[in-house]
Amino acid sequence: MRVRFPWSTFEPGSPSCPQPTTSNQVGQHLLLSAPDPLLAADVDLYLSENGQPYWPNEEQARIDNATMGPLVNDANQILTAIATHRSLWRDAATAELAELSRAHSGPRGRIVAVNRDDSGFLWMREVVAPNSMLRLYGADEVREATQITPRPTPADHCRDTEPDEI
């Protein structure tokens, strides 16, 4: 899963979030640096079920001080994350949210938009947008938006293919 914070959420005049607090019960407290204009600060989350924490390109991520975790639950699942600044140049969904927000007016707030891309990857984007573009979703809409399609297994792939013609 990727949580994206576009540069526009850090601009002067953007509505602020409540000041975070710290807790002695949490093992890590991290500060994510604000991205430059036209970039986003991304936090990519990884869940490992093999008993080992996972960070892609771990050596570089540690050099960049970009690793988070690991957090381990009672099922021995391990959550890790990496923070990265990326270009918004080809992020169609963030551009679509910005365009949608221009069609609305009124006081602005910070919202979290959630969607799955074509590959099933879950994105959460924090954006600053007019409150008038928000609406309540029905239970069926929430279920449909949050349902995760199971990955096909190799056996499924074999079943879906046609046998070679002779």
C-alpha atoms as a PDB file:
ATOM      1  CA  MET A   1       0.000   0.000   0.000  1.00  0.00           C
ATOM      2  CA  ARG A   2       1.194   3.521  -0.691  1.00  0.00           C
ATOM      3  CA  VAL A   3       0.218   6.578   1.343  1.00  0.00           C
ATOM      4  CA  ARG A   4       0.895   9.734  -0.696  1.00  0.00           C
ATOM      5  CA  PHE A   5       1.272  13.293   0.583  1.00  0.00           C
ATOM      6  CA  PRO A   6       1.541  15.715  -2.377  1.00  0.00           C
ATOM      7  CA  TRP A   7       3.591  18.888  -2.021  1.00  0.00           C
ATOM      8  CA  SER A   8       0.368  20.942  -2.125  1.00  0.00           C
ATOM      9  CA  THR A   9      -0.614  19.634   1.320  1.00  0.00           C
ATOM     10  CA  PHE A  10       2.460  21.404   2.739  1.00  0.00           C
ATOM     11  CA  GLU A  11       1.962  24.787   1.007  1.00  0.00           C
ATOM     12  CA  PRO A  12       1.521  27.909   3.131  1.00  0.00           C
ATOM     13  CA  GLY A  13      -2.188  28.466   3.672  1.00  0.00           C
ATOM     14  CA  SER A  14      -3.119  24.781   3.454  1.00  0.00           C
ATOM     15  CA  PRO A  15      -5.323  23.665   6.329  1.00  0.00           C
ATOM     16  CA  SER A  16      -3.280  22.110   9.063  1.00  0.00           C
ATOM     17  CA  CYS A  17      -3.810  18.763  10.738  1.00  0.00           C
ATOM     18  CA  PRO A  18      -3.967  18.479  14.501  1.00  0.00           C
ATOM     19  CA  GLN A  19      -0.539  18.521  16.116  1.00  0.00           C
ATOM     20  CA  PRO A  20       0.568  14.899  16.601  1.00  0.00           C
ATOM     21  CA  THR A  21       1.325  13.608  20.046  1.00  0.00           C
ATOM     22  CA  THR A  22       3.845  10.988  21.074  1.00  0.00           C
ATOM     23  CA  SER A  23       3.304   7.944  23.230  1.00  0.00           C
ATOM     24  CA  ASN A  24       5.670   5.797  25.260  1.00  0.00           C
ATOM     25  CA  GLN A  25       3.732   2.752  23.992  1.00  0.00           C
ATOM     26  CA  VAL A  26       4.903   3.326  20.404  1.00  0.00           C
ATOM     27  CA  GLY A  27       8.407   2.123  19.583  1.00  0.00           C
ATOM     28  CA  GLN A  28       9.178   4.671  16.848  1.00  0.00           C
ATOM     29  CA  HIS A  29       8.275   8.276  16.173  1.00  0.00           C
ATOM     30  CA  LEU A  30       9.273   9.464  12.725  1.00  0.00           C
ATOM     31  CA  LEU A  31       9.237  12.768  10.898  1.00  0.00           C
ATOM     32  CA  LEU A  32       8.536  12.729   7.171  1.00  0.00           C
ATOM     33  CA  SER A  33      10.163  15.642   5.360  1.00  0.00           C
ATOM     34  CA  ALA A  34       7.971  17.824   3.149  1.00  0.00           C
ATOM     35  CA  PRO A  35       8.498  17.282  -0.582  1.00  0.00           C
ATOM     36  CA  ASP A  36       9.572  19.981  -3.005  1.00  0.00           C
ATOM     37  CA  PRO A  37       6.982  21.429  -5.452  1.00  0.00           C
ATOM     38  CA  LEU A  38       5.600  18.894  -7.956  1.00  0.00           C
ATOM     39  CA  LEU A  39       6.792  15.999  -5.785  1.00  0.00           C
ATOM     40  CA  ALA A  40       5.016  13.797  -3.270  1.00  0.00           C
ATOM     41  CA  ALA A  41       6.192  12.211  -0.054  1.00  0.00           C
ATOM     42  CA  ASP A  42       5.232   8.543  -0.319  1.00  0.00           C
ATOM     43  CA  VAL A  43       5.189   5.961   2.436  1.00  0.00           C
ATOM     44  CA  ASP A  44       5.161   2.447   0.969  1.00  0.00           C
ATOM     45  CA  LEU A  45       4.007  -0.248   3.405  1.00  0.00           C
ATOM     46  CA  TYR A  46       5.047  -3.896   3.178  1.00  0.00           C
ATOM     47  CA  LEU A  47       3.585  -6.870   5.016  1.00  0.00           C
ATOM     48  CA  SER A  48       5.822  -9.901   5.414  1.00  0.00           C
ATOM     49  CA  GLU A  49       4.469 -13.253   6.515  1.00  0.00           C
ATOM     50  CA  ASN A  50       7.715 -15.251   6.280  1.00  0.00           C
ATOM     51  CA  GLY A  51       9.082 -14.155   9.659  1.00  0.00           C
ATOM     52  CA  GLN A  52      11.585 -11.697   8.161  1.00  0.00           C
ATOM     53  CA  PRO A  53      11.139  -7.919   7.776  1.00  0.00           C
ATOM     54  CA  TYR A  54      11.197  -6.643   4.196  1.00  0.00           C
ATOM     55  CA  TRP A  55      12.431  -3.359   2.769  1.00  0.00           C
ATOM     56  CA  PRO A  56      13.163  -3.147  -0.972  1.00  0.00           C
ATOM     57  CA  ASN A  57      16.711  -1.917  -1.596  1.00  0.00           C
ATOM     58  CA  GLU A  58      17.245  -1.981   2.159  1.00  0.00           C
ATOM     59  CA  GLU A  59      20.883  -0.839   2.095  1.00  0.00           C
ATOM     60  CA  GLN A  60      20.065   2.388   0.228  1.00  0.00           C
ATOM     61  CA  ALA A  61      16.913   2.969   2.288  1.00  0.00           C
ATOM     62  CA  ARG A  62      18.976   2.766   5.482  1.00  0.00           C
ATOM     63  CA  ILE A  63      21.581   5.167   4.051  1.00  0.00           C
ATOM     64  CA  ASP A  64      18.689   7.548   3.218  1.00  0.00           C
ATOM     65  CA  ASN A  65      17.252   7.114   6.735  1.00  0.00           C
ATOM     66  CA  ALA A  66      13.988   6.137   5.021  1.00  0.00           C
ATOM     67  CA  THR A  67      13.108   2.864   6.773  1.00  0.00           C
ATOM     68  CA  MET A  68      10.265   2.420   9.247  1.00  0.00           C
ATOM     69  CA  GLY A  69       9.570  -0.604  11.379  1.00  0.00           C
ATOM     70  CA  PRO A  70       9.518  -3.443  11.817  1.00  0.00           C
ATOM     71  CA  LEU A  71       6.263  -3.851  13.719  1.00  0.00           C
ATOM     72  CA  VAL A  72       5.303  -7.453  14.533  1.00  0.00           C
ATOM     73  CA  ASN A  73       1.825  -8.663  15.480  1.00  0.00           C
ATOM     74  CA  ASP A  74       0.730 -11.798  17.367  1.00  0.00           C
ATOM     75  CA  ALA A  75       0.410 -13.706  14.050  1.00  0.00           C
ATOM     76  CA  ASN A  76       4.113 -12.994  13.371  1.00  0.00           C
ATOM     77  CA  GLN A  77       3.243 -10.738  10.437  1.00  0.00           C
ATOM     78  CA  ILE A  78       5.806  -7.993  10.033  1.00  0.00           C
ATOM     79  CA  LEU A  79       4.957  -4.479   8.848  1.00  0.00           C
ATOM     80  CA  THR A  80       7.711  -2.300   7.411  1.00  0.00           C
ATOM     81  CA  ALA A  81       7.717   0.906   5.384  1.00  0.00           C
ATOM     82  CA  ILE A  82       9.970   3.132   3.315  1.00  0.00           C
ATOM     83  CA  ALA A  83       9.558   6.883   2.799  1.00  0.00           C
ATOM     84  CA  THR A  84      10.416   8.262  -0.653  1.00  0.00           C
ATOM     85  CA  HIS A  85       9.924  11.517  -2.535  1.00  0.00           C
ATOM     86  CA  ARG A  86       8.552  10.913  -6.045  1.00  0.00           C
ATOM     87  CA  SER A  87       7.445  13.020  -8.987  1.00  0.00           C
ATOM     88  CA  LEU A  88       3.741  13.663  -9.502  1.00  0.00           C
ATOM     89  CA  TRP A  89       4.321  14.016 -13.242  1.00  0.00           C
ATOM     90  CA  ARG A  90       2.473  10.828 -14.249  1.00  0.00           C
ATOM     91  CA  ASP A  91       0.159  10.344 -11.270  1.00  0.00           C
ATOM     92  CA  ALA A  92      -3.209  10.574 -13.022  1.00  0.00           C
ATOM     93  CA  ALA A  93      -5.264  10.016  -9.858  1.00  0.00           C
ATOM     94  CA  THR A  94      -3.675  12.929  -7.968  1.00  0.00           C
ATOM     95  CA  ALA A  95      -4.192  15.146 -11.036  1.00  0.00           C
ATOM     96  CA  GLU A  96      -7.815  13.965 -11.266  1.00  0.00           C
ATOM     97  CA  LEU A  97      -8.414  14.841  -7.608  1.00  0.00           C
ATOM     98  CA  ALA A  98      -6.924  18.307  -8.163  1.00  0.00           C
ATOM     99  CA  GLU A  99      -9.158  18.839 -11.215  1.00  0.00           C
ATOM    100  CA  LEU A 100     -12.228  17.584  -9.345  1.00  0.00           C
ATOM    101  CA  SER A 101     -11.529  19.964  -6.458  1.00  0.00           C
ATOM    102  CA  ARG A 102     -11.483  22.954  -8.866  1.00  0.00           C
ATOM    103  CA  ALA A 103     -15.162  22.265  -9.661  1.00  0.00           C
ATOM    104  CA  HIS A 104     -16.125  22.822  -6.010  1.00  0.00           C
ATOM    105  CA  SER A 105     -15.914  25.832  -3.745  1.00  0.00           C
ATOM    106  CA  GLY A 106     -16.029  26.710  -0.094  1.00  0.00           C
ATOM    107  CA  PRO A 107     -13.788  26.051   2.875  1.00  0.00           C
ATOM    108  CA  ARG A 108     -10.969  23.623   2.238  1.00  0.00           C
ATOM    109  CA  GLY A 109      -9.942  20.716   4.411  1.00  0.00           C
ATOM    110  CA  ARG A 110      -7.571  17.788   4.365  1.00  0.00           C
ATOM    111  CA  ILE A 111      -9.097  14.592   3.056  1.00  0.00           C
ATOM    112  CA  VAL A 112      -7.815  11.100   2.342  1.00  0.00           C
ATOM    113  CA  ALA A 113      -8.799   9.642  -1.024  1.00  0.00           C
ATOM    114  CA  VAL A 114      -8.468   5.866  -1.387  1.00  0.00           C
ATOM    115  CA  ASN A 115      -8.418   3.854  -4.598  1.00  0.00           C
ATOM    116  CA  ARG A 116      -6.995   0.707  -6.113  1.00  0.00           C
ATOM    117  CA  ASP A 117      -5.043   0.997  -9.343  1.00  0.00           C
ATOM    118  CA  ASP A 118      -5.474  -1.409 -12.267  1.00  0.00           C
ATOM    119  CA  SER A 119      -3.029  -3.883 -10.702  1.00  0.00           C
ATOM    120  CA  GLY A 120      -4.983  -3.973  -7.404  1.00  0.00           C
ATOM    121  CA  PHE A 121      -2.374  -1.865  -5.557  1.00  0.00           C
ATOM    122  CA  LEU A 122      -4.023   0.233  -2.827  1.00  0.00           C
ATOM    123  CA  TRP A 123      -3.309   3.986  -2.801  1.00  0.00           C
ATOM    124  CA  MET A 124      -4.200   6.502  -0.090  1.00  0.00           C
ATOM    125  CA  ARG A 125      -3.676  10.151  -1.043  1.00  0.00           C
ATOM    126  CA  GLU A 126      -3.962  13.034   1.377  1.00  0.00           C
ATOM    127  CA  VAL A 127      -5.198  16.093  -0.491  1.00  0.00           C
ATOM    128  CA  VAL A 128      -6.406  19.582   0.300  1.00  0.00           C
ATOM    129  CA  ALA A 129      -9.845  20.032  -1.232  1.00  0.00           C
ATOM    130  CA  PRO A 130     -13.095  21.923  -0.714  1.00  0.00           C
ATOM    131  CA  ASN A 131     -15.320  20.228   1.835  1.00  0.00           C
ATOM    132  CA  SER A 132     -18.226  20.592  -0.639  1.00  0.00           C
ATOM    133  CA  MET A 133     -16.816  17.787  -2.808  1.00  0.00           C
ATOM    134  CA  LEU A 134     -17.270  15.233  -0.023  1.00  0.00           C
ATOM    135  CA  ARG A 135     -20.324  13.050   0.362  1.00  0.00           C
ATOM    136  CA  LEU A 136     -21.372  10.129   2.534  1.00  0.00           C
ATOM    137  CA  TYR A 137     -21.025   6.717   0.941  1.00  0.00           C
ATOM    138  CA  GLY A 138     -23.511   3.901   1.412  1.00  0.00           C
ATOM    139  CA  ALA A 139     -22.487   0.580   2.949  1.00  0.00           C
ATOM    140  CA  ASP A 140     -22.563  -1.166  -0.462  1.00  0.00           C
ATOM    141  CA  GLU A 141     -20.280   1.480  -1.988  1.00  0.00           C
ATOM    142  CA  VAL A 142     -17.800   1.122   0.875  1.00  0.00           C
ATOM    143  CA  ARG A 143     -17.796  -2.688   0.566  1.00  0.00           C
ATOM    144  CA  GLU A 144     -17.229  -2.480  -3.198  1.00  0.00           C
ATOM    145  CA  ALA A 145     -14.432   0.091  -2.881  1.00  0.00           C
ATOM    146  CA  THR A 146     -12.590  -1.831  -0.185  1.00  0.00           C
ATOM    147  CA  GLN A 147     -12.998  -5.381  -1.488  1.00  0.00           C
ATOM    148  CA  ILE A 148      -9.653  -6.850  -2.430  1.00  0.00           C
ATOM    149  CA  THR A 149      -9.754  -9.351  -5.269  1.00  0.00           C
ATOM    150  CA  PRO A 150      -7.799 -12.518  -4.440  1.00  0.00           C
ATOM    151  CA  ARG A 151      -4.636 -13.031  -6.452  1.00  0.00           C
ATOM    152  CA  PRO A 152      -4.842 -15.838  -8.999  1.00  0.00           C
ATOM    153  CA  THR A 153      -2.833 -18.910  -8.096  1.00  0.00           C
ATOM    154  CA  PRO A 154      -0.692 -20.803 -10.616  1.00  0.00           C
ATOM    155  CA  ALA A 155      -3.450 -23.447 -10.709  1.00  0.00           C
ATOM    156  CA  ASP A 156      -6.003 -20.744 -11.670  1.00  0.00           C
ATOM    157  CA  HIS A 157      -3.739 -19.612 -14.484  1.00  0.00           C
ATOM    158  CA  CYS A 158      -3.487 -23.148 -15.874  1.00  0.00           C
ATOM    159  CA  ARG A 159      -7.279 -23.581 -15.740  1.00  0.00           C
ATOM    160  CA  ASP A 160      -7.888 -20.344 -17.673  1.00  0.00           C
ATOM    161  CA  THR A 161      -5.607 -21.221 -20.593  1.00  0.00           C
ATOM    162  CA  GLU A 162      -6.691 -23.090 -23.686  1.00  0.00           C
ATOM    163  CA  PRO A 163      -4.850 -26.293 -24.553  1.00  0.00           C
ATOM    164  CA  ASP A 164      -2.503 -26.111 -27.497  1.00  0.00           C
ATOM    165  CA  GLU A 165      -4.110 -27.137 -30.739  1.00  0.00           C
ATOM    166  CA  ILE A 166      -2.615 -30.100 -32.539  1.00  0.00           C
END
